[in-house]
Amino acid sequence: MCRPSTPLFALLQHKYQDAWLQQQRAQQDAVKQRQQIKTSINKVNETKASTMRRSQQSAATVPLWHMPRFEKTGAHLSTFRSDSARALAFSRHAAGKRREGDSFRASI
C-alpha cells in the first residue's frame, strides 16, 4: 500500500494557504453582509431630541449634603444700616422683578 505522492509544486507556491484564505474571506464577507442587512432593517436615526429624551434627568433634584454643624449658624454680617432699610431694599427689589416680568410678557 503506497501512499500517493505529495504535490510539492502546490506546497511550494502556497496554493493551499491561498485557497484557505479565499474561503475564509468569502465566509467573513457573507457574515458581514447578513449583519448589515439586519442592522439596516432595525436602524433608527438618532436626533438630538431623541437622545435628550432618552437621557432626560428627573425633575426632582436631591439637595446637596451640608455638614450639620454649619446648618444652624446664622448670618455673621449685617450690611444694612437698619431693619427698615433692609425691608425697603427687599420691597424695591421685588417690585423691580414684577415690572421686569410684566414687560417681558408684554413683549411676547
N, C-alpha and C. Protein backbone atom coordinates (compact mmCIF):
# COMPACT_ATOMS: atom_id res chain seq x y z
N MET A 1 0.81 -1.16 0.00
CA MET A 1 0.00 0.00 0.00
C MET A 1 0.87 1.25 0.00
N CYS A 2 0.85 1.85 -1.09
CA CYS A 2 1.65 3.07 -1.24
C CYS A 2 0.76 4.29 -1.05
N ARG A 3 1.33 5.20 -0.40
CA ARG A 3 0.66 6.46 -0.19
C ARG A 3 0.85 7.32 -1.43
N PRO A 4 -0.18 8.13 -1.83
CA PRO A 4 0.01 8.97 -3.00
C PRO A 4 1.06 10.05 -2.71
N SER A 5 1.75 10.44 -3.72
CA SER A 5 2.82 11.42 -3.53
C SER A 5 2.23 12.81 -3.21
N THR A 6 2.96 13.58 -2.41
CA THR A 6 2.56 14.93 -2.03
C THR A 6 2.86 15.87 -3.18
N PRO A 7 1.92 16.70 -3.57
CA PRO A 7 2.19 17.64 -4.66
C PRO A 7 3.12 18.76 -4.19
N LEU A 8 4.38 18.61 -4.38
CA LEU A 8 5.38 19.56 -3.90
C LEU A 8 5.24 20.93 -4.56
N PHE A 9 4.86 20.96 -5.82
CA PHE A 9 4.73 22.24 -6.51
C PHE A 9 3.64 23.09 -5.84
N ALA A 10 2.52 22.47 -5.45
CA ALA A 10 1.43 23.20 -4.80
C ALA A 10 1.87 23.68 -3.41
N LEU A 11 2.64 22.87 -2.70
CA LEU A 11 3.13 23.26 -1.38
C LEU A 11 4.10 24.44 -1.47
N LEU A 12 4.99 24.39 -2.46
CA LEU A 12 5.99 25.44 -2.58
C LEU A 12 5.37 26.79 -2.97
N GLN A 13 4.28 26.77 -3.70
CA GLN A 13 3.66 28.03 -4.11
C GLN A 13 2.55 28.46 -3.15
N HIS A 14 2.37 27.79 -2.05
CA HIS A 14 1.38 28.12 -1.01
C HIS A 14 -0.04 28.15 -1.56
N LYS A 15 -0.35 27.25 -2.46
CA LYS A 15 -1.68 27.25 -3.06
C LYS A 15 -2.74 26.84 -2.05
N TYR A 16 -2.42 25.93 -1.15
CA TYR A 16 -3.39 25.51 -0.13
C TYR A 16 -3.72 26.69 0.81
N GLN A 17 -2.69 27.42 1.15
CA GLN A 17 -2.89 28.59 2.02
C GLN A 17 -3.76 29.63 1.32
N ASP A 18 -3.46 29.90 0.07
CA ASP A 18 -4.24 30.89 -0.68
C ASP A 18 -5.70 30.46 -0.80
N ALA A 19 -5.93 29.20 -1.08
CA ALA A 19 -7.31 28.70 -1.22
C ALA A 19 -8.04 28.83 0.12
N TRP A 20 -7.36 28.50 1.22
CA TRP A 20 -7.98 28.59 2.55
C TRP A 20 -8.31 30.04 2.90
N LEU A 21 -7.39 30.96 2.60
CA LEU A 21 -7.62 32.37 2.88
C LEU A 21 -8.80 32.91 2.07
N GLN A 22 -8.93 32.50 0.82
CA GLN A 22 -10.06 32.94 0.00
C GLN A 22 -11.38 32.43 0.57
N GLN A 23 -11.37 31.19 1.04
CA GLN A 23 -12.59 30.64 1.65
C GLN A 23 -12.96 31.42 2.91
N GLN A 24 -11.97 31.74 3.73
CA GLN A 24 -12.23 32.47 4.97
C GLN A 24 -12.76 33.88 4.67
N ARG A 25 -12.18 34.54 3.69
CA ARG A 25 -12.65 35.88 3.31
C ARG A 25 -14.07 35.84 2.79
N ALA A 26 -14.38 34.83 2.00
CA ALA A 26 -15.73 34.71 1.46
C ALA A 26 -16.74 34.48 2.59
N GLN A 27 -16.38 33.66 3.57
CA GLN A 27 -17.26 33.42 4.70
C GLN A 27 -17.45 34.69 5.53
N GLN A 28 -16.38 35.43 5.77
CA GLN A 28 -16.47 36.66 6.54
C GLN A 28 -17.30 37.71 5.81
N ASP A 29 -17.14 37.80 4.50
CA ASP A 29 -17.95 38.75 3.72
C ASP A 29 -19.43 38.40 3.79
N ALA A 30 -19.75 37.11 3.72
CA ALA A 30 -21.15 36.68 3.79
C ALA A 30 -21.74 37.03 5.16
N VAL A 31 -20.98 36.80 6.22
CA VAL A 31 -21.46 37.12 7.57
C VAL A 31 -21.65 38.63 7.70
N LYS A 32 -20.72 39.42 7.17
CA LYS A 32 -20.81 40.88 7.24
C LYS A 32 -22.05 41.39 6.50
N GLN A 33 -22.32 40.82 5.34
CA GLN A 33 -23.49 41.24 4.57
C GLN A 33 -24.78 40.92 5.32
N ARG A 34 -24.84 39.74 5.96
CA ARG A 34 -26.02 39.39 6.75
C ARG A 34 -26.21 40.36 7.91
N GLN A 35 -25.13 40.73 8.56
CA GLN A 35 -25.22 41.66 9.69
C GLN A 35 -25.64 43.05 9.22
N GLN A 36 -25.13 43.49 8.08
CA GLN A 36 -25.50 44.81 7.56
C GLN A 36 -26.98 44.84 7.20
N ILE A 37 -27.49 43.76 6.66
CA ILE A 37 -28.91 43.71 6.32
C ILE A 37 -29.75 43.79 7.59
N LYS A 38 -29.34 43.07 8.64
CA LYS A 38 -30.07 43.12 9.91
C LYS A 38 -30.04 44.51 10.52
N THR A 39 -28.88 45.15 10.52
CA THR A 39 -28.79 46.47 11.14
C THR A 39 -29.51 47.52 10.33
N SER A 40 -29.53 47.40 9.01
CA SER A 40 -30.22 48.40 8.21
C SER A 40 -31.73 48.31 8.40
N ILE A 41 -32.24 47.12 8.69
CA ILE A 41 -33.67 46.97 8.93
C ILE A 41 -34.04 47.55 10.29
N ASN A 42 -33.23 47.29 11.31
CA ASN A 42 -33.53 47.71 12.67
C ASN A 42 -32.98 49.08 13.01
N LYS A 43 -32.32 49.75 12.10
CA LYS A 43 -31.65 51.01 12.42
C LYS A 43 -32.67 52.15 12.56
N VAL A 44 -32.51 52.92 13.63
CA VAL A 44 -33.35 54.09 13.86
C VAL A 44 -32.43 55.29 13.87
N ASN A 45 -32.79 56.30 13.11
CA ASN A 45 -31.96 57.51 13.06
C ASN A 45 -32.09 58.27 14.37
N GLU A 46 -30.94 58.60 14.95
CA GLU A 46 -30.90 59.33 16.21
C GLU A 46 -30.83 60.82 15.93
N THR A 47 -31.68 61.57 16.59
CA THR A 47 -31.62 63.02 16.51
C THR A 47 -31.24 63.56 17.88
N LYS A 48 -30.96 64.81 17.94
CA LYS A 48 -30.59 65.42 19.23
C LYS A 48 -31.75 65.32 20.21
N ALA A 49 -32.96 65.51 19.71
CA ALA A 49 -34.14 65.45 20.57
C ALA A 49 -34.34 64.04 21.13
N SER A 50 -34.12 63.02 20.30
CA SER A 50 -34.33 61.65 20.79
C SER A 50 -33.28 61.25 21.82
N THR A 51 -32.04 61.69 21.62
CA THR A 51 -31.02 61.36 22.61
C THR A 51 -31.26 62.11 23.92
N MET A 52 -31.73 63.35 23.82
CA MET A 52 -32.01 64.11 25.05
C MET A 52 -33.22 63.53 25.77
N ARG A 53 -34.19 63.03 25.02
CA ARG A 53 -35.38 62.44 25.63
C ARG A 53 -35.00 61.16 26.40
N ARG A 54 -34.09 60.37 25.82
CA ARG A 54 -33.67 59.15 26.48
C ARG A 54 -32.86 59.42 27.74
N SER A 55 -32.05 60.46 27.72
CA SER A 55 -31.19 60.77 28.87
C SER A 55 -31.78 61.88 29.72
N GLN A 56 -33.09 62.00 29.72
CA GLN A 56 -33.75 63.07 30.47
C GLN A 56 -33.56 62.86 31.97
N GLN A 57 -33.18 63.91 32.66
CA GLN A 57 -32.97 63.82 34.09
C GLN A 57 -34.28 64.05 34.82
N SER A 58 -34.36 63.49 36.00
CA SER A 58 -35.59 63.65 36.77
C SER A 58 -35.72 65.09 37.23
N ALA A 59 -36.97 65.55 37.35
CA ALA A 59 -37.23 66.93 37.74
C ALA A 59 -36.93 67.16 39.22
N ALA A 60 -37.15 66.14 40.03
CA ALA A 60 -36.91 66.28 41.46
C ALA A 60 -35.42 66.09 41.73
N THR A 61 -34.78 67.15 42.16
CA THR A 61 -33.36 67.05 42.46
C THR A 61 -33.17 66.94 43.97
N VAL A 62 -32.22 66.16 44.34
CA VAL A 62 -31.91 65.97 45.75
C VAL A 62 -31.02 67.13 46.21
N PRO A 63 -31.34 67.76 47.32
CA PRO A 63 -30.48 68.86 47.78
C PRO A 63 -29.09 68.36 48.15
N LEU A 64 -28.12 69.21 47.98
CA LEU A 64 -26.75 68.85 48.28
C LEU A 64 -26.57 68.65 49.79
N TRP A 65 -25.63 67.80 50.14
CA TRP A 65 -25.39 67.50 51.54
C TRP A 65 -24.58 68.62 52.16
N HIS A 66 -24.94 69.00 53.37
CA HIS A 66 -24.22 70.02 54.13
C HIS A 66 -23.88 69.44 55.50
N MET A 67 -22.79 69.90 56.04
CA MET A 67 -22.42 69.45 57.38
C MET A 67 -23.43 69.99 58.39
N PRO A 68 -23.90 69.16 59.30
CA PRO A 68 -24.94 69.59 60.24
C PRO A 68 -24.53 70.77 61.12
N ARG A 69 -23.27 70.85 61.45
CA ARG A 69 -22.88 71.94 62.36
C ARG A 69 -22.92 73.30 61.68
N PHE A 70 -22.90 73.34 60.35
CA PHE A 70 -22.99 74.61 59.64
C PHE A 70 -24.43 74.96 59.26
N GLU A 71 -25.36 74.04 59.44
CA GLU A 71 -26.76 74.28 59.10
C GLU A 71 -27.39 75.29 60.05
N LYS A 72 -26.99 75.29 61.30
CA LYS A 72 -27.67 76.07 62.34
C LYS A 72 -27.07 77.45 62.56
N THR A 73 -26.04 77.79 61.81
CA THR A 73 -25.40 79.08 62.03
C THR A 73 -26.15 80.18 61.30
N GLY A 74 -26.19 81.33 61.89
CA GLY A 74 -26.86 82.48 61.29
C GLY A 74 -25.90 83.33 60.51
N ALA A 75 -26.39 84.45 60.00
CA ALA A 75 -25.55 85.36 59.24
C ALA A 75 -24.58 86.07 60.18
N HIS A 76 -23.36 86.24 59.75
CA HIS A 76 -22.35 86.90 60.58
C HIS A 76 -22.24 88.39 60.27
N LEU A 77 -22.74 88.81 59.11
CA LEU A 77 -22.65 90.21 58.73
C LEU A 77 -24.04 90.79 58.53
N SER A 78 -24.18 92.02 58.86
CA SER A 78 -25.41 92.75 58.58
C SER A 78 -24.99 93.99 57.80
N THR A 79 -25.28 94.02 56.51
CA THR A 79 -24.77 95.09 55.66
C THR A 79 -25.75 96.25 55.52
N PHE A 80 -26.94 96.15 56.08
CA PHE A 80 -27.90 97.26 56.02
C PHE A 80 -27.77 98.11 57.27
N ARG A 81 -28.06 99.41 57.15
CA ARG A 81 -27.95 100.34 58.29
C ARG A 81 -28.94 99.99 59.38
N SER A 82 -30.15 99.58 58.94
CA SER A 82 -31.18 99.25 59.92
C SER A 82 -32.12 98.22 59.30
N ASP A 83 -33.04 97.72 60.14
CA ASP A 83 -34.01 96.75 59.64
C ASP A 83 -34.98 97.39 58.65
N SER A 84 -35.31 98.67 58.86
CA SER A 84 -36.22 99.35 57.93
C SER A 84 -35.56 99.54 56.56
N ALA A 85 -34.25 99.82 56.53
CA ALA A 85 -33.52 99.97 55.26
C ALA A 85 -33.48 98.63 54.52
N ARG A 86 -33.33 97.57 55.27
CA ARG A 86 -33.30 96.23 54.68
C ARG A 86 -34.67 95.90 54.08
N ALA A 87 -35.74 96.17 54.80
CA ALA A 87 -37.09 95.89 54.31
C ALA A 87 -37.39 96.72 53.06
N LEU A 88 -36.99 97.98 53.04
CA LEU A 88 -37.21 98.85 51.90
C LEU A 88 -36.47 98.33 50.66
N ALA A 89 -35.24 97.90 50.84
CA ALA A 89 -34.44 97.39 49.72
C ALA A 89 -35.07 96.13 49.14
N PHE A 90 -35.52 95.23 50.00
CA PHE A 90 -36.13 93.99 49.51
C PHE A 90 -37.47 94.24 48.83
N SER A 91 -38.24 95.21 49.32
CA SER A 91 -39.52 95.52 48.68
C SER A 91 -39.29 96.13 47.29
N ARG A 92 -38.28 97.00 47.17
CA ARG A 92 -37.98 97.58 45.86
C ARG A 92 -37.44 96.52 44.90
N HIS A 93 -36.69 95.60 45.43
CA HIS A 93 -36.16 94.51 44.60
C HIS A 93 -37.31 93.66 44.07
N ALA A 94 -38.28 93.32 44.91
CA ALA A 94 -39.43 92.53 44.49
C ALA A 94 -40.27 93.29 43.47
N ALA A 95 -40.45 94.60 43.67
CA ALA A 95 -41.22 95.41 42.74
C ALA A 95 -40.52 95.46 41.38
N GLY A 96 -39.21 95.53 41.37
CA GLY A 96 -38.46 95.54 40.11
C GLY A 96 -38.61 94.22 39.36
N LYS A 97 -38.64 93.11 40.08
CA LYS A 97 -38.83 91.82 39.44
C LYS A 97 -40.21 91.73 38.80
N ARG A 98 -41.22 92.25 39.50
CA ARG A 98 -42.58 92.21 38.94
C ARG A 98 -42.66 93.04 37.67
N ARG A 99 -42.03 94.21 37.67
CA ARG A 99 -42.07 95.08 36.49
C ARG A 99 -41.35 94.43 35.31
N GLU A 100 -40.22 93.79 35.58
CA GLU A 100 -39.48 93.12 34.51
C GLU A 100 -40.32 92.00 33.93
N GLY A 101 -41.01 91.26 34.79
CA GLY A 101 -41.84 90.17 34.32
C GLY A 101 -42.98 90.66 33.47
N ASP A 102 -43.61 91.80 33.84
CA ASP A 102 -44.72 92.35 33.07
C ASP A 102 -44.25 92.82 31.70
N SER A 103 -43.10 93.48 31.64
CA SER A 103 -42.62 93.96 30.35
C SER A 103 -42.18 92.79 29.48
N PHE A 104 -41.71 91.73 30.09
CA PHE A 104 -41.34 90.55 29.31
C PHE A 104 -42.56 89.91 28.68
N ARG A 105 -43.63 89.78 29.45
CA ARG A 105 -44.85 89.18 28.93
C ARG A 105 -45.47 90.07 27.85
N ALA A 106 -45.38 91.37 28.00
CA ALA A 106 -45.97 92.29 27.03
C ALA A 106 -45.20 92.23 25.70
N SER A 107 -43.91 91.94 25.75
CA SER A 107 -43.12 91.91 24.51
C SER A 107 -43.35 90.64 23.72
N ILE A 108 -43.92 89.63 24.34
CA ILE A 108 -44.18 88.37 23.63
C ILE A 108 -45.39 88.57 22.81
